[in-house]
Amino acid sequence: MMLHLSLDPGTEHVKPRRGLTNRGHWIAALLERLPSDVPRDARDRLANALVPLFGADAIVWTTDMADLPPDQAIDLLAWMAQVLVKATLAGW
């Protein structure tokens, strides 16, 4: 979907394109669970870092490019998300 949105001439002026998908909503819902004292800039950075870990394109990259079976690809993406969350919590 993200590749289609990026290449479709009809959406070239739509910014951000992630607003046309559900991943922004999924990420926002997850970030609601962060401690309230995590600064806005840290939340925004984490939200942006999580974007590529959601959706079918993330599975395609980890199965095709990393040559992982789907279950391992999902485990890897979950681990990457956990590392980003832990880094955010440790860095503020």
PDB file of N, CA and C in Angstrom:
ATOM      1  N   MET A   1       0.828  -1.181   0.000  1.00  0.00           N
ATOM      2  CA  MET A   1       0.000   0.000   0.000  1.00  0.00           C
ATOM      3  C   MET A   1       0.878   1.251   0.000  1.00  0.00           C
ATOM      4  N   MET A   2       1.913   1.251   0.861  1.00  0.00           N
ATOM      5  CA  MET A   2       2.780   2.431   0.920  1.00  0.00           C
ATOM      6  C   MET A   2       3.501   2.640  -0.410  1.00  0.00           C
ATOM      7  N   LEU A   3       3.939   1.555  -1.047  1.00  0.00           N
ATOM      8  CA  LEU A   3       4.605   1.685  -2.339  1.00  0.00           C
ATOM      9  C   LEU A   3       3.621   2.241  -3.369  1.00  0.00           C
ATOM     10  N   HIS A   4       2.413   1.738  -3.369  1.00  0.00           N
ATOM     11  CA  HIS A   4       1.390   2.250  -4.280  1.00  0.00           C
ATOM     12  C   HIS A   4       1.153   3.743  -4.036  1.00  0.00           C
ATOM     13  N   LEU A   5       1.015   4.122  -2.768  1.00  0.00           N
ATOM     14  CA  LEU A   5       0.784   5.537  -2.449  1.00  0.00           C
ATOM     15  C   LEU A   5       1.964   6.406  -2.860  1.00  0.00           C
ATOM     16  N   SER A   6       3.164   5.872  -2.742  1.00  0.00           N
ATOM     17  CA  SER A   6       4.355   6.644  -3.103  1.00  0.00           C
ATOM     18  C   SER A   6       4.487   6.825  -4.612  1.00  0.00           C
ATOM     19  N   LEU A   7       4.032   5.837  -5.374  1.00  0.00           N
ATOM     20  CA  LEU A   7       4.215   5.872  -6.824  1.00  0.00           C
ATOM     21  C   LEU A   7       3.007   6.399  -7.592  1.00  0.00           C
ATOM     22  N   ASP A   8       1.862   6.448  -6.969  1.00  0.00           N
ATOM     23  CA  ASP A   8       0.642   6.896  -7.633  1.00  0.00           C
ATOM     24  C   ASP A   8       0.696   8.402  -7.855  1.00  0.00           C
ATOM     25  N   PRO A   9       0.661   8.846  -9.121  1.00  0.00           N
ATOM     26  CA  PRO A   9       0.714  10.289  -9.386  1.00  0.00           C
ATOM     27  C   PRO A   9      -0.436  11.053  -8.737  1.00  0.00           C
ATOM     28  N   GLY A  10      -1.553  10.396  -8.492  1.00  0.00           N
ATOM     29  CA  GLY A  10      -2.691  11.059  -7.876  1.00  0.00           C
ATOM     30  C   GLY A  10      -2.490  11.386  -6.410  1.00  0.00           C
ATOM     31  N   THR A  11      -1.481  10.791  -5.780  1.00  0.00           N
ATOM     32  CA  THR A  11      -1.229  11.043  -4.359  1.00  0.00           C
ATOM     33  C   THR A  11       0.091  11.772  -4.119  1.00  0.00           C
ATOM     34  N   GLU A  12       0.710  12.278  -5.181  1.00  0.00           N
ATOM     35  CA  GLU A  12       2.024  12.897  -5.015  1.00  0.00           C
ATOM     36  C   GLU A  12       2.009  14.135  -4.135  1.00  0.00           C
ATOM     37  N   HIS A  13       0.873  14.805  -4.030  1.00  0.00           N
ATOM     38  CA  HIS A  13       0.794  16.012  -3.201  1.00  0.00           C
ATOM     39  C   HIS A  13       0.137  15.752  -1.857  1.00  0.00           C
ATOM     40  N   VAL A  14      -0.192  14.497  -1.571  1.00  0.00           N
ATOM     41  CA  VAL A  14      -0.796  14.139  -0.290  1.00  0.00           C
ATOM     42  C   VAL A  14       0.320  13.892   0.704  1.00  0.00           C
ATOM     43  N   LYS A  15       0.386  14.692   1.743  1.00  0.00           N
ATOM     44  CA  LYS A  15       1.424  14.562   2.768  1.00  0.00           C
ATOM     45  C   LYS A  15       0.777  14.614   4.129  1.00  0.00           C
ATOM     46  N   PRO A  16       1.135  13.820   5.083  1.00  0.00           N
ATOM     47  CA  PRO A  16       1.896  12.588   4.885  1.00  0.00           C
ATOM     48  C   PRO A  16       0.999  11.490   4.320  1.00  0.00           C
ATOM     49  N   ARG A  17       1.574  10.658   3.517  1.00  0.00           N
ATOM     50  CA  ARG A  17       0.815   9.568   2.903  1.00  0.00           C
ATOM     51  C   ARG A  17       0.383   8.535   3.931  1.00  0.00           C
ATOM     52  N   ARG A  18       1.097   8.436   5.044  1.00  0.00           N
ATOM     53  CA  ARG A  18       0.724   7.441   6.044  1.00  0.00           C
ATOM     54  C   ARG A  18      -0.649   7.721   6.628  1.00  0.00           C
ATOM     55  N   GLY A  19      -1.128   8.944   6.447  1.00  0.00           N
ATOM     56  CA  GLY A  19      -2.482   9.262   6.874  1.00  0.00           C
ATOM     57  C   GLY A  19      -3.538   8.521   6.071  1.00  0.00           C
ATOM     58  N   LEU A  20      -3.137   7.960   4.934  1.00  0.00           N
ATOM     59  CA  LEU A  20      -4.056   7.194   4.098  1.00  0.00           C
ATOM     60  C   LEU A  20      -4.069   5.713   4.469  1.00  0.00           C
ATOM     61  N   THR A  21      -3.304   5.338   5.472  1.00  0.00           N
ATOM     62  CA  THR A  21      -3.260   3.947   5.922  1.00  0.00           C
ATOM     63  C   THR A  21      -3.674   3.896   7.393  1.00  0.00           C
ATOM     64  N   ASN A  22      -3.740   2.690   7.926  1.00  0.00           N
ATOM     65  CA  ASN A  22      -4.106   2.513   9.334  1.00  0.00           C
ATOM     66  C   ASN A  22      -2.916   2.537  10.279  1.00  0.00           C
ATOM     67  N   ARG A  23      -1.720   2.456   9.752  1.00  0.00           N
ATOM     68  CA  ARG A  23      -0.572   2.315  10.653  1.00  0.00           C
ATOM     69  C   ARG A  23      -0.401   3.501  11.587  1.00  0.00           C
ATOM     70  N   GLY A  24      -0.739   4.686  11.165  1.00  0.00           N
ATOM     71  CA  GLY A  24      -0.668   5.841  12.052  1.00  0.00           C
ATOM     72  C   GLY A  24      -1.597   5.688  13.244  1.00  0.00           C
ATOM     73  N   HIS A  25      -2.775   5.152  13.005  1.00  0.00           N
ATOM     74  CA  HIS A  25      -3.736   4.922  14.089  1.00  0.00           C
ATOM     75  C   HIS A  25      -3.228   3.828  15.034  1.00  0.00           C
ATOM     76  N   TRP A  26      -2.669   2.767  14.449  1.00  0.00           N
ATOM     77  CA  TRP A  26      -2.145   1.664  15.274  1.00  0.00           C
ATOM     78  C   TRP A  26      -1.011   2.172  16.163  1.00  0.00           C
ATOM     79  N   ILE A  27      -0.115   2.941  15.577  1.00  0.00           N
ATOM     80  CA  ILE A  27       1.031   3.452  16.328  1.00  0.00           C
ATOM     81  C   ILE A  27       0.576   4.427  17.408  1.00  0.00           C
ATOM     82  N   ALA A  28      -0.339   5.309  17.075  1.00  0.00           N
ATOM     83  CA  ALA A  28      -0.846   6.268  18.069  1.00  0.00           C
ATOM     84  C   ALA A  28      -1.469   5.537  19.250  1.00  0.00           C
ATOM     85  N   ALA A  29      -2.214   4.475  18.978  1.00  0.00           N
ATOM     86  CA  ALA A  29      -2.832   3.698  20.058  1.00  0.00           C
ATOM     87  C   ALA A  29      -1.770   3.052  20.942  1.00  0.00           C
ATOM     88  N   LEU A  30      -0.702   2.570  20.338  1.00  0.00           N
ATOM     89  CA  LEU A  30       0.384   1.958  21.122  1.00  0.00           C
ATOM     90  C   LEU A  30       1.113   2.996  21.974  1.00  0.00           C
ATOM     91  N   LEU A  31       1.318   4.182  21.424  1.00  0.00           N
ATOM     92  CA  LEU A  31       2.064   5.214  22.150  1.00  0.00           C
ATOM     93  C   LEU A  31       1.276   5.778  23.328  1.00  0.00           C
ATOM     94  N   GLU A  32      -0.025   5.585  23.330  1.00  0.00           N
ATOM     95  CA  GLU A  32      -0.829   6.025  24.473  1.00  0.00           C
ATOM     96  C   GLU A  32      -0.406   5.320  25.757  1.00  0.00           C
ATOM     97  N   ARG A  33       0.230   4.167  25.627  1.00  0.00           N
ATOM     98  CA  ARG A  33       0.654   3.385  26.794  1.00  0.00           C
ATOM     99  C   ARG A  33       2.005   3.831  27.353  1.00  0.00           C
ATOM    100  N   LEU A  34       2.682   4.737  26.660  1.00  0.00           N
ATOM    101  CA  LEU A  34       3.955   5.235  27.192  1.00  0.00           C
ATOM    102  C   LEU A  34       3.686   6.077  28.433  1.00  0.00           C
ATOM    103  N   PRO A  35       4.664   6.153  29.327  1.00  0.00           N
ATOM    104  CA  PRO A  35       4.506   7.034  30.490  1.00  0.00           C
ATOM    105  C   PRO A  35       4.220   8.461  30.030  1.00  0.00           C
ATOM    106  N   SER A  36       3.404   9.156  30.785  1.00  0.00           N
ATOM    107  CA  SER A  36       2.973  10.499  30.386  1.00  0.00           C
ATOM    108  C   SER A  36       4.115  11.516  30.358  1.00  0.00           C
ATOM    109  N   ASP A  37       5.211  11.216  31.036  1.00  0.00           N
ATOM    110  CA  ASP A  37       6.306  12.185  31.047  1.00  0.00           C
ATOM    111  C   ASP A  37       7.309  11.990  29.903  1.00  0.00           C
ATOM    112  N   VAL A  38       7.020  11.081  28.963  1.00  0.00           N
ATOM    113  CA  VAL A  38       7.876  10.961  27.781  1.00  0.00           C
ATOM    114  C   VAL A  38       7.615  12.189  26.916  1.00  0.00           C
ATOM    115  N   PRO A  39       8.660  12.954  26.595  1.00  0.00           N
ATOM    116  CA  PRO A  39       8.479  14.204  25.849  1.00  0.00           C
ATOM    117  C   PRO A  39       7.879  13.990  24.459  1.00  0.00           C
ATOM    118  N   ARG A  40       7.188  15.005  23.979  1.00  0.00           N
ATOM    119  CA  ARG A  40       6.527  14.947  22.669  1.00  0.00           C
ATOM    120  C   ARG A  40       7.517  14.617  21.564  1.00  0.00           C
ATOM    121  N   ASP A  41       8.715  15.222  21.579  1.00  0.00           N
ATOM    122  CA  ASP A  41       9.679  14.949  20.506  1.00  0.00           C
ATOM    123  C   ASP A  41      10.142  13.504  20.526  1.00  0.00           C
ATOM    124  N   ALA A  42      10.269  12.897  21.697  1.00  0.00           N
ATOM    125  CA  ALA A  42      10.641  11.482  21.792  1.00  0.00           C
ATOM    126  C   ALA A  42       9.507  10.596  21.278  1.00  0.00           C
ATOM    127  N   ARG A  43       8.282  10.957  21.595  1.00  0.00           N
ATOM    128  CA  ARG A  43       7.110  10.205  21.087  1.00  0.00           C
ATOM    129  C   ARG A  43       7.042  10.292  19.565  1.00  0.00           C
ATOM    130  N   ASP A  44       7.255  11.489  19.042  1.00  0.00           N
ATOM    131  CA  ASP A  44       7.202  11.674  17.588  1.00  0.00           C
ATOM    132  C   ASP A  44       8.300  10.887  16.883  1.00  0.00           C
ATOM    133  N   ARG A  45       9.504  10.928  17.452  1.00  0.00           N
ATOM    134  CA  ARG A  45      10.614  10.176  16.864  1.00  0.00           C
ATOM    135  C   ARG A  45      10.315   8.688  16.877  1.00  0.00           C
ATOM    136  N   LEU A  46       9.787   8.181  17.990  1.00  0.00           N
ATOM    137  CA  LEU A  46       9.429   6.768  18.084  1.00  0.00           C
ATOM    138  C   LEU A  46       8.330   6.426  17.083  1.00  0.00           C
ATOM    139  N   ALA A  47       7.315   7.263  16.988  1.00  0.00           N
ATOM    140  CA  ALA A  47       6.228   7.008  16.027  1.00  0.00           C
ATOM    141  C   ALA A  47       6.775   6.916  14.610  1.00  0.00           C
ATOM    142  N   ASN A  48       7.662   7.819  14.240  1.00  0.00           N
ATOM    143  CA  ASN A  48       8.257   7.789  12.899  1.00  0.00           C
ATOM    144  C   ASN A  48       9.132   6.566  12.692  1.00  0.00           C
ATOM    145  N   ALA A  49       9.854   6.151  13.718  1.00  0.00           N
ATOM    146  CA  ALA A  49      10.718   4.973  13.614  1.00  0.00           C
ATOM    147  C   ALA A  49       9.911   3.690  13.490  1.00  0.00           C
ATOM    148  N   LEU A  50       8.714   3.674  14.058  1.00  0.00           N
ATOM    149  CA  LEU A  50       7.873   2.476  13.998  1.00  0.00           C
ATOM    150  C   LEU A  50       7.150   2.305  12.669  1.00  0.00           C
ATOM    151  N   VAL A  51       6.981   3.368  11.913  1.00  0.00           N
ATOM    152  CA  VAL A  51       6.216   3.305  10.661  1.00  0.00           C
ATOM    153  C   VAL A  51       6.659   2.165   9.750  1.00  0.00           C
ATOM    154  N   PRO A  52       7.962   1.992   9.479  1.00  0.00           N
ATOM    155  CA  PRO A  52       8.345   0.928   8.545  1.00  0.00           C
ATOM    156  C   PRO A  52       8.169  -0.492   9.090  1.00  0.00           C
ATOM    157  N   LEU A  53       7.837  -0.624  10.354  1.00  0.00           N
ATOM    158  CA  LEU A  53       7.698  -1.962  10.950  1.00  0.00           C
ATOM    159  C   LEU A  53       6.271  -2.487  10.872  1.00  0.00           C
ATOM    160  N   PHE A  54       5.349  -1.702  10.346  1.00  0.00           N
ATOM    161  CA  PHE A  54       3.948  -2.081  10.254  1.00  0.00           C
ATOM    162  C   PHE A  54       3.538  -2.287   8.804  1.00  0.00           C
ATOM    163  N   GLY A  55       2.637  -3.206   8.573  1.00  0.00           N
ATOM    164  CA  GLY A  55       2.060  -3.407   7.256  1.00  0.00           C
ATOM    165  C   GLY A  55       2.714  -4.530   6.478  1.00  0.00           C
ATOM    166  N   ALA A  56       2.082  -4.836   5.375  1.00  0.00           N
ATOM    167  CA  ALA A  56       2.544  -5.944   4.535  1.00  0.00           C
ATOM    168  C   ALA A  56       3.931  -5.690   3.964  1.00  0.00           C
ATOM    169  N   ASP A  57       4.250  -4.425   3.694  1.00  0.00           N
ATOM    170  CA  ASP A  57       5.566  -4.128   3.129  1.00  0.00           C
ATOM    171  C   ASP A  57       6.688  -4.525   4.083  1.00  0.00           C
ATOM    172  N   ALA A  58       6.459  -4.420   5.382  1.00  0.00           N
ATOM    173  CA  ALA A  58       7.472  -4.848   6.356  1.00  0.00           C
ATOM    174  C   ALA A  58       7.683  -6.361   6.278  1.00  0.00           C
ATOM    175  N   ILE A  59       6.599  -7.095   6.090  1.00  0.00           N
ATOM    176  CA  ILE A  59       6.699  -8.555   5.954  1.00  0.00           C
ATOM    177  C   ILE A  59       7.417  -8.912   4.663  1.00  0.00           C
ATOM    178  N   VAL A  60       7.106  -8.197   3.586  1.00  0.00           N
ATOM    179  CA  VAL A  60       7.774  -8.463   2.302  1.00  0.00           C
ATOM    180  C   VAL A  60       9.274  -8.264   2.433  1.00  0.00           C
ATOM    181  N   TRP A  61       9.680  -7.146   3.068  1.00  0.00           N
ATOM    182  CA  TRP A  61      11.117  -6.888   3.218  1.00  0.00           C
ATOM    183  C   TRP A  61      11.800  -7.974   4.043  1.00  0.00           C
ATOM    184  N   THR A  62      11.182  -8.368   5.143  1.00  0.00           N
ATOM    185  CA  THR A  62      11.852  -9.331   6.015  1.00  0.00           C
ATOM    186  C   THR A  62      11.768 -10.756   5.494  1.00  0.00           C
ATOM    187  N   THR A  63      10.766 -11.065   4.684  1.00  0.00           N
ATOM    188  CA  THR A  63      10.721 -12.411   4.108  1.00  0.00           C
ATOM    189  C   THR A  63      11.553 -12.484   2.836  1.00  0.00           C
ATOM    190  N   ASP A  64      11.438 -11.480   1.965  1.00  0.00           N
ATOM    191  CA  ASP A  64      12.155 -11.526   0.695  1.00  0.00           C
ATOM    192  C   ASP A  64      13.608 -11.094   0.803  1.00  0.00           C
ATOM    193  N   MET A  65      13.858  -9.974   1.461  1.00  0.00           N
ATOM    194  CA  MET A  65      15.223  -9.447   1.518  1.00  0.00           C
ATOM    195  C   MET A  65      16.061 -10.101   2.620  1.00  0.00           C
ATOM    196  N   ALA A  66      15.445 -10.374   3.759  1.00  0.00           N
ATOM    197  CA  ALA A  66      16.185 -11.027   4.843  1.00  0.00           C
ATOM    198  C   ALA A  66      16.060 -12.546   4.761  1.00  0.00           C
ATOM    199  N   ASP A  67      15.228 -13.021   3.835  1.00  0.00           N
ATOM    200  CA  ASP A  67      15.057 -14.459   3.583  1.00  0.00           C
ATOM    201  C   ASP A  67      14.583 -15.212   4.829  1.00  0.00           C
ATOM    202  N   LEU A  68      13.627 -14.625   5.548  1.00  0.00           N
ATOM    203  CA  LEU A  68      13.073 -15.253   6.747  1.00  0.00           C
ATOM    204  C   LEU A  68      11.701 -15.840   6.449  1.00  0.00           C
ATOM    205  N   PRO A  69      11.354 -16.946   7.106  1.00  0.00           N
ATOM    206  CA  PRO A  69       9.975 -17.424   7.002  1.00  0.00           C
ATOM    207  C   PRO A  69       9.048 -16.419   7.697  1.00  0.00           C
ATOM    208  N   PRO A  70       7.775 -16.372   7.322  1.00  0.00           N
ATOM    209  CA  PRO A  70       6.875 -15.356   7.864  1.00  0.00           C
ATOM    210  C   PRO A  70       6.837 -15.277   9.388  1.00  0.00           C
ATOM    211  N   ASP A  71       6.844 -16.401  10.079  1.00  0.00           N
ATOM    212  CA  ASP A  71       6.783 -16.342  11.547  1.00  0.00           C
ATOM    213  C   ASP A  71       8.034 -15.688  12.131  1.00  0.00           C
ATOM    214  N   GLN A  72       9.197 -15.976  11.558  1.00  0.00           N
ATOM    215  CA  GLN A  72      10.430 -15.338  12.029  1.00  0.00           C
ATOM    216  C   GLN A  72      10.477 -13.862  11.637  1.00  0.00           C
ATOM    217  N   ALA A  73       9.899 -13.530  10.488  1.00  0.00           N
ATOM    218  CA  ALA A  73       9.853 -12.133  10.059  1.00  0.00           C
ATOM    219  C   ALA A  73       9.023 -11.317  11.050  1.00  0.00           C
ATOM    220  N   ILE A  74       7.890 -11.848  11.456  1.00  0.00           N
ATOM    221  CA  ILE A  74       7.038 -11.154  12.421  1.00  0.00           C
ATOM    222  C   ILE A  74       7.745 -11.028  13.764  1.00  0.00           C
ATOM    223  N   ASP A  75       8.424 -12.088  14.200  1.00  0.00           N
ATOM    224  CA  ASP A  75       9.183 -12.024  15.454  1.00  0.00           C
ATOM    225  C   ASP A  75      10.272 -10.957  15.377  1.00  0.00           C
ATOM    226  N   LEU A  76      10.954 -10.872  14.249  1.00  0.00           N
ATOM    227  CA  LEU A  76      12.003  -9.866  14.083  1.00  0.00           C
ATOM    228  C   LEU A  76      11.426  -8.455  14.140  1.00  0.00           C
ATOM    229  N   LEU A  77      10.310  -8.231  13.469  1.00  0.00           N
ATOM    230  CA  LEU A  77       9.679  -6.908  13.484  1.00  0.00           C
ATOM    231  C   LEU A  77       9.228  -6.534  14.888  1.00  0.00           C
ATOM    232  N   ALA A  78       8.686  -7.495  15.620  1.00  0.00           N
ATOM    233  CA  ALA A  78       8.271  -7.232  17.009  1.00  0.00           C
ATOM    234  C   ALA A  78       9.491  -6.897  17.865  1.00  0.00           C
ATOM    235  N   TRP A  79      10.584  -7.624  17.669  1.00  0.00           N
ATOM    236  CA  TRP A  79      11.811  -7.352  18.424  1.00  0.00           C
ATOM    237  C   TRP A  79      12.334  -5.951  18.104  1.00  0.00           C
ATOM    238  N   MET A  80      12.320  -5.573  16.830  1.00  0.00           N
ATOM    239  CA  MET A  80      12.780  -4.244  16.439  1.00  0.00           C
ATOM    240  C   MET A  80      11.935  -3.164  17.113  1.00  0.00           C
ATOM    241  N   ALA A  81      10.636  -3.371  17.149  1.00  0.00           N
ATOM    242  CA  ALA A  81       9.748  -2.394  17.803  1.00  0.00           C
ATOM    243  C   ALA A  81      10.064  -2.301  19.294  1.00  0.00           C
ATOM    244  N   GLN A  82      10.299  -3.442  19.930  1.00  0.00           N
ATOM    245  CA  GLN A  82      10.629  -3.440  21.362  1.00  0.00           C
ATOM    246  C   GLN A  82      11.930  -2.689  21.622  1.00  0.00           C
ATOM    247  N   VAL A  83      12.911  -2.886  20.769  1.00  0.00           N
ATOM    248  CA  VAL A  83      14.191  -2.195  20.925  1.00  0.00           C
ATOM    249  C   VAL A  83      13.997  -0.680  20.807  1.00  0.00           C
ATOM    250  N   LEU A  84      13.196  -0.256  19.856  1.00  0.00           N
ATOM    251  CA  LEU A  84      12.937   1.175  19.694  1.00  0.00           C
ATOM    252  C   LEU A  84      12.212   1.761  20.896  1.00  0.00           C
ATOM    253  N   VAL A  85      11.240   1.038  21.430  1.00  0.00           N
ATOM    254  CA  VAL A  85      10.510   1.524  22.607  1.00  0.00           C
ATOM    255  C   VAL A  85      11.457   1.597  23.803  1.00  0.00           C
ATOM    256  N   LYS A  86      12.249   0.547  24.025  1.00  0.00           N
ATOM    257  CA  LYS A  86      13.192   0.555  25.151  1.00  0.00           C
ATOM    258  C   LYS A  86      14.202   1.682  25.020  1.00  0.00           C
ATOM    259  N   ALA A  87      14.682   1.924  23.807  1.00  0.00           N
ATOM    260  CA  ALA A  87      15.642   3.016  23.588  1.00  0.00           C
ATOM    261  C   ALA A  87      14.993   4.369  23.880  1.00  0.00           C
ATOM    262  N   THR A  88      13.742   4.506  23.498  1.00  0.00           N
ATOM    263  CA  THR A  88      13.041   5.767  23.780  1.00  0.00           C
ATOM    264  C   THR A  88      12.888   5.965  25.277  1.00  0.00           C
ATOM    265  N   LEU A  89      12.493   4.919  25.975  1.00  0.00           N
ATOM    266  CA  LEU A  89      12.305   5.019  27.422  1.00  0.00           C
ATOM    267  C   LEU A  89      13.614   5.264  28.155  1.00  0.00           C
ATOM    268  N   ALA A  90      14.699   4.707  27.634  1.00  0.00           N
ATOM    269  CA  ALA A  90      16.005   4.878  28.282  1.00  0.00           C
ATOM    270  C   ALA A  90      16.629   6.245  27.970  1.00  0.00           C
ATOM    271  N   GLY A  91      16.206   6.843  26.851  1.00  0.00           N
ATOM    272  CA  GLY A  91      16.868   8.057  26.400  1.00  0.00           C
ATOM    273  C   GLY A  91      16.284   9.366  26.872  1.00  0.00           C
ATOM    274  N   TRP A  92      15.181   9.353  27.576  1.00  0.00           N
ATOM    275  CA  TRP A  92      14.588  10.628  27.986  1.00  0.00           C
ATOM    276  C   TRP A  92      14.762  10.825  29.408  1.00  0.00           C
TER     277      TRP A  92
END
